[in-house]
């Protein structure tokens, strides 16, 4: 679960590691609300898949400090309480999540 850790690595180490393994900064781009970023960096352990399949994105457009992450319909502070988190899978689809829709990615 290294890639989901909220760990900041020195930039030089991150650049080297992401040639082999998915680093937290690399994977965080995948959690962006921007479709052109959400549809990137799918790899869980190895970065090769994203590089070979053309889904690699080095950095989010707004930078890591300014990017917005998450699913739009679950943004309120109340939605982050344990009772709501446990029932999220049964609350219906996550809006119009545009996974792999080329027209929205802008390729």
C-alpha atoms as a PDB file:
ATOM      1  CA  UNK A   1       0.000   0.000   0.000  1.00  0.00           C
ATOM      2  CA  UNK A   2       3.035   2.241  -0.387  1.00  0.00           C
ATOM      3  CA  UNK A   3       1.392   4.039  -3.313  1.00  0.00           C
ATOM      4  CA  UNK A   4      -1.595   5.058  -1.142  1.00  0.00           C
ATOM      5  CA  UNK A   5       0.627   6.287   1.674  1.00  0.00           C
ATOM      6  CA  UNK A   6       0.573  10.002   2.281  1.00  0.00           C
ATOM      7  CA  UNK A   7       4.363  10.099   2.117  1.00  0.00           C
ATOM      8  CA  UNK A   8       6.426  12.869   0.571  1.00  0.00           C
ATOM      9  CA  UNK A   9       9.671  11.622  -0.903  1.00  0.00           C
ATOM     10  CA  UNK A  10      12.542  13.891  -1.931  1.00  0.00           C
ATOM     11  CA  UNK A  11      11.954  14.749  -5.600  1.00  0.00           C
ATOM     12  CA  UNK A  12      15.149  13.066  -6.826  1.00  0.00           C
ATOM     13  CA  UNK A  13      14.291   9.806  -5.078  1.00  0.00           C
ATOM     14  CA  UNK A  14      10.702   9.987  -6.365  1.00  0.00           C
ATOM     15  CA  UNK A  15      11.926  10.489  -9.959  1.00  0.00           C
ATOM     16  CA  UNK A  16      14.201   7.450  -9.714  1.00  0.00           C
ATOM     17  CA  UNK A  17      11.697   5.182  -7.962  1.00  0.00           C
ATOM     18  CA  UNK A  18       8.856   5.898 -10.370  1.00  0.00           C
ATOM     19  CA  UNK A  19      10.795   4.228 -13.172  1.00  0.00           C
ATOM     20  CA  UNK A  20      10.149   0.958 -11.326  1.00  0.00           C
ATOM     21  CA  UNK A  21       7.450   1.296  -8.646  1.00  0.00           C
ATOM     22  CA  UNK A  22       4.390   3.488  -8.252  1.00  0.00           C
ATOM     23  CA  UNK A  23       5.178   6.256  -5.779  1.00  0.00           C
ATOM     24  CA  UNK A  24       2.530   8.089  -3.709  1.00  0.00           C
ATOM     25  CA  UNK A  25       2.905  11.286  -5.780  1.00  0.00           C
ATOM     26  CA  UNK A  26       2.576   9.354  -9.014  1.00  0.00           C
ATOM     27  CA  UNK A  27      -0.552   7.484  -7.921  1.00  0.00           C
ATOM     28  CA  UNK A  28      -2.185  10.545  -6.314  1.00  0.00           C
ATOM     29  CA  UNK A  29      -2.696  11.996  -9.817  1.00  0.00           C
ATOM     30  CA  UNK A  30      -5.138   9.110 -10.423  1.00  0.00           C
ATOM     31  CA  UNK A  31      -7.389  10.421  -7.622  1.00  0.00           C
ATOM     32  CA  UNK A  32      -7.816  13.871  -9.181  1.00  0.00           C
ATOM     33  CA  UNK A  33     -11.306  15.120 -10.058  1.00  0.00           C
ATOM     34  CA  UNK A  34     -10.024  16.163 -13.504  1.00  0.00           C
ATOM     35  CA  UNK A  35     -10.925  13.434 -16.050  1.00  0.00           C
ATOM     36  CA  UNK A  36      -7.651  13.913 -17.915  1.00  0.00           C
ATOM     37  CA  UNK A  37      -5.826  13.046 -14.672  1.00  0.00           C
ATOM     38  CA  UNK A  38      -8.221  10.479 -13.216  1.00  0.00           C
ATOM     39  CA  UNK A  39      -7.733   8.337 -16.293  1.00  0.00           C
ATOM     40  CA  UNK A  40      -3.992   8.093 -15.688  1.00  0.00           C
ATOM     41  CA  UNK A  41      -1.538   6.208 -13.490  1.00  0.00           C
ATOM     42  CA  UNK A  42      -3.618   3.074 -12.971  1.00  0.00           C
ATOM     43  CA  UNK A  43      -0.635   0.926 -11.987  1.00  0.00           C
ATOM     44  CA  UNK A  44      -0.714  -0.394  -8.447  1.00  0.00           C
ATOM     45  CA  UNK A  45       2.850  -1.623  -8.021  1.00  0.00           C
ATOM     46  CA  UNK A  46       4.758  -1.276 -11.276  1.00  0.00           C
ATOM     47  CA  UNK A  47       4.843   1.826 -13.473  1.00  0.00           C
ATOM     48  CA  UNK A  48       5.603  -0.026 -16.681  1.00  0.00           C
ATOM     49  CA  UNK A  49       1.936  -0.637 -17.511  1.00  0.00           C
ATOM     50  CA  UNK A  50       1.116   3.058 -17.579  1.00  0.00           C
ATOM     51  CA  UNK A  51       4.200   3.887 -19.594  1.00  0.00           C
ATOM     52  CA  UNK A  52       3.560   1.129 -22.159  1.00  0.00           C
ATOM     53  CA  UNK A  53      -0.184   1.816 -22.454  1.00  0.00           C
ATOM     54  CA  UNK A  54       0.165   5.612 -22.596  1.00  0.00           C
ATOM     55  CA  UNK A  55      -1.665   6.343 -19.341  1.00  0.00           C
ATOM     56  CA  UNK A  56       1.315   7.769 -17.445  1.00  0.00           C
ATOM     57  CA  UNK A  57       1.111  11.359 -16.214  1.00  0.00           C
ATOM     58  CA  UNK A  58       4.055  12.758 -14.261  1.00  0.00           C
ATOM     59  CA  UNK A  59       2.320  15.576 -12.349  1.00  0.00           C
ATOM     60  CA  UNK A  60      -1.173  17.028 -11.892  1.00  0.00           C
ATOM     61  CA  UNK A  61      -1.887  20.272 -13.746  1.00  0.00           C
ATOM     62  CA  UNK A  62      -2.437  22.270 -10.532  1.00  0.00           C
ATOM     63  CA  UNK A  63       0.392  20.615  -8.593  1.00  0.00           C
ATOM     64  CA  UNK A  64      -0.071  18.242  -5.690  1.00  0.00           C
ATOM     65  CA  UNK A  65      -0.795  20.953  -3.114  1.00  0.00           C
ATOM     66  CA  UNK A  66      -3.595  22.537  -5.166  1.00  0.00           C
ATOM     67  CA  UNK A  67      -5.188  19.506  -6.861  1.00  0.00           C
ATOM     68  CA  UNK A  68      -8.665  18.380  -5.809  1.00  0.00           C
ATOM     69  CA  UNK A  69      -9.099  14.671  -5.183  1.00  0.00           C
ATOM     70  CA  UNK A  70     -12.078  12.408  -4.644  1.00  0.00           C
ATOM     71  CA  UNK A  71     -15.515  11.786  -6.067  1.00  0.00           C
ATOM     72  CA  UNK A  72     -17.697  14.842  -6.600  1.00  0.00           C
ATOM     73  CA  UNK A  73     -20.856  13.476  -4.966  1.00  0.00           C
ATOM     74  CA  UNK A  74     -19.010  12.672  -1.717  1.00  0.00           C
ATOM     75  CA  UNK A  75     -17.475  16.100  -0.979  1.00  0.00           C
ATOM     76  CA  UNK A  76     -19.259  17.330   2.117  1.00  0.00           C
ATOM     77  CA  UNK A  77     -17.586  16.846   5.508  1.00  0.00           C
ATOM     78  CA  UNK A  78     -20.639  14.815   6.589  1.00  0.00           C
ATOM     79  CA  UNK A  79     -19.996  12.314   3.772  1.00  0.00           C
ATOM     80  CA  UNK A  80     -16.650  11.505   5.399  1.00  0.00           C
ATOM     81  CA  UNK A  81     -18.172  10.271   8.665  1.00  0.00           C
ATOM     82  CA  UNK A  82     -17.883   6.526   9.249  1.00  0.00           C
ATOM     83  CA  UNK A  83     -21.606   5.762   8.893  1.00  0.00           C
ATOM     84  CA  UNK A  84     -21.751   7.411   5.445  1.00  0.00           C
ATOM     85  CA  UNK A  85     -18.456   5.868   4.311  1.00  0.00           C
ATOM     86  CA  UNK A  86     -19.805   2.397   5.082  1.00  0.00           C
ATOM     87  CA  UNK A  87     -22.949   2.871   2.978  1.00  0.00           C
ATOM     88  CA  UNK A  88     -21.365   4.666  -0.010  1.00  0.00           C
ATOM     89  CA  UNK A  89     -21.314   1.532  -2.210  1.00  0.00           C
ATOM     90  CA  UNK A  90     -25.118   1.290  -1.919  1.00  0.00           C
ATOM     91  CA  UNK A  91     -25.883   4.968  -2.541  1.00  0.00           C
ATOM     92  CA  UNK A  92     -25.825   4.581  -6.307  1.00  0.00           C
ATOM     93  CA  UNK A  93     -23.246   5.236  -9.021  1.00  0.00           C
ATOM     94  CA  UNK A  94     -20.536   7.829  -8.485  1.00  0.00           C
ATOM     95  CA  UNK A  95     -22.093  10.454 -10.761  1.00  0.00           C
ATOM     96  CA  UNK A  96     -20.756  10.548 -14.329  1.00  0.00           C
ATOM     97  CA  UNK A  97     -17.316   9.155 -13.551  1.00  0.00           C
ATOM     98  CA  UNK A  98     -15.626   9.385 -16.980  1.00  0.00           C
ATOM     99  CA  UNK A  99     -13.260   6.430 -16.851  1.00  0.00           C
ATOM    100  CA  UNK A 100     -11.607   5.708 -20.182  1.00  0.00           C
ATOM    101  CA  UNK A 101     -13.821   7.978 -22.225  1.00  0.00           C
ATOM    102  CA  UNK A 102     -11.483   9.259 -24.901  1.00  0.00           C
ATOM    103  CA  UNK A 103     -13.628  12.270 -25.794  1.00  0.00           C
ATOM    104  CA  UNK A 104     -13.326  13.562 -22.232  1.00  0.00           C
ATOM    105  CA  UNK A 105      -9.633  12.832 -21.849  1.00  0.00           C
ATOM    106  CA  UNK A 106      -8.789  15.041 -24.781  1.00  0.00           C
ATOM    107  CA  UNK A 107      -6.248  12.767 -26.448  1.00  0.00           C
END
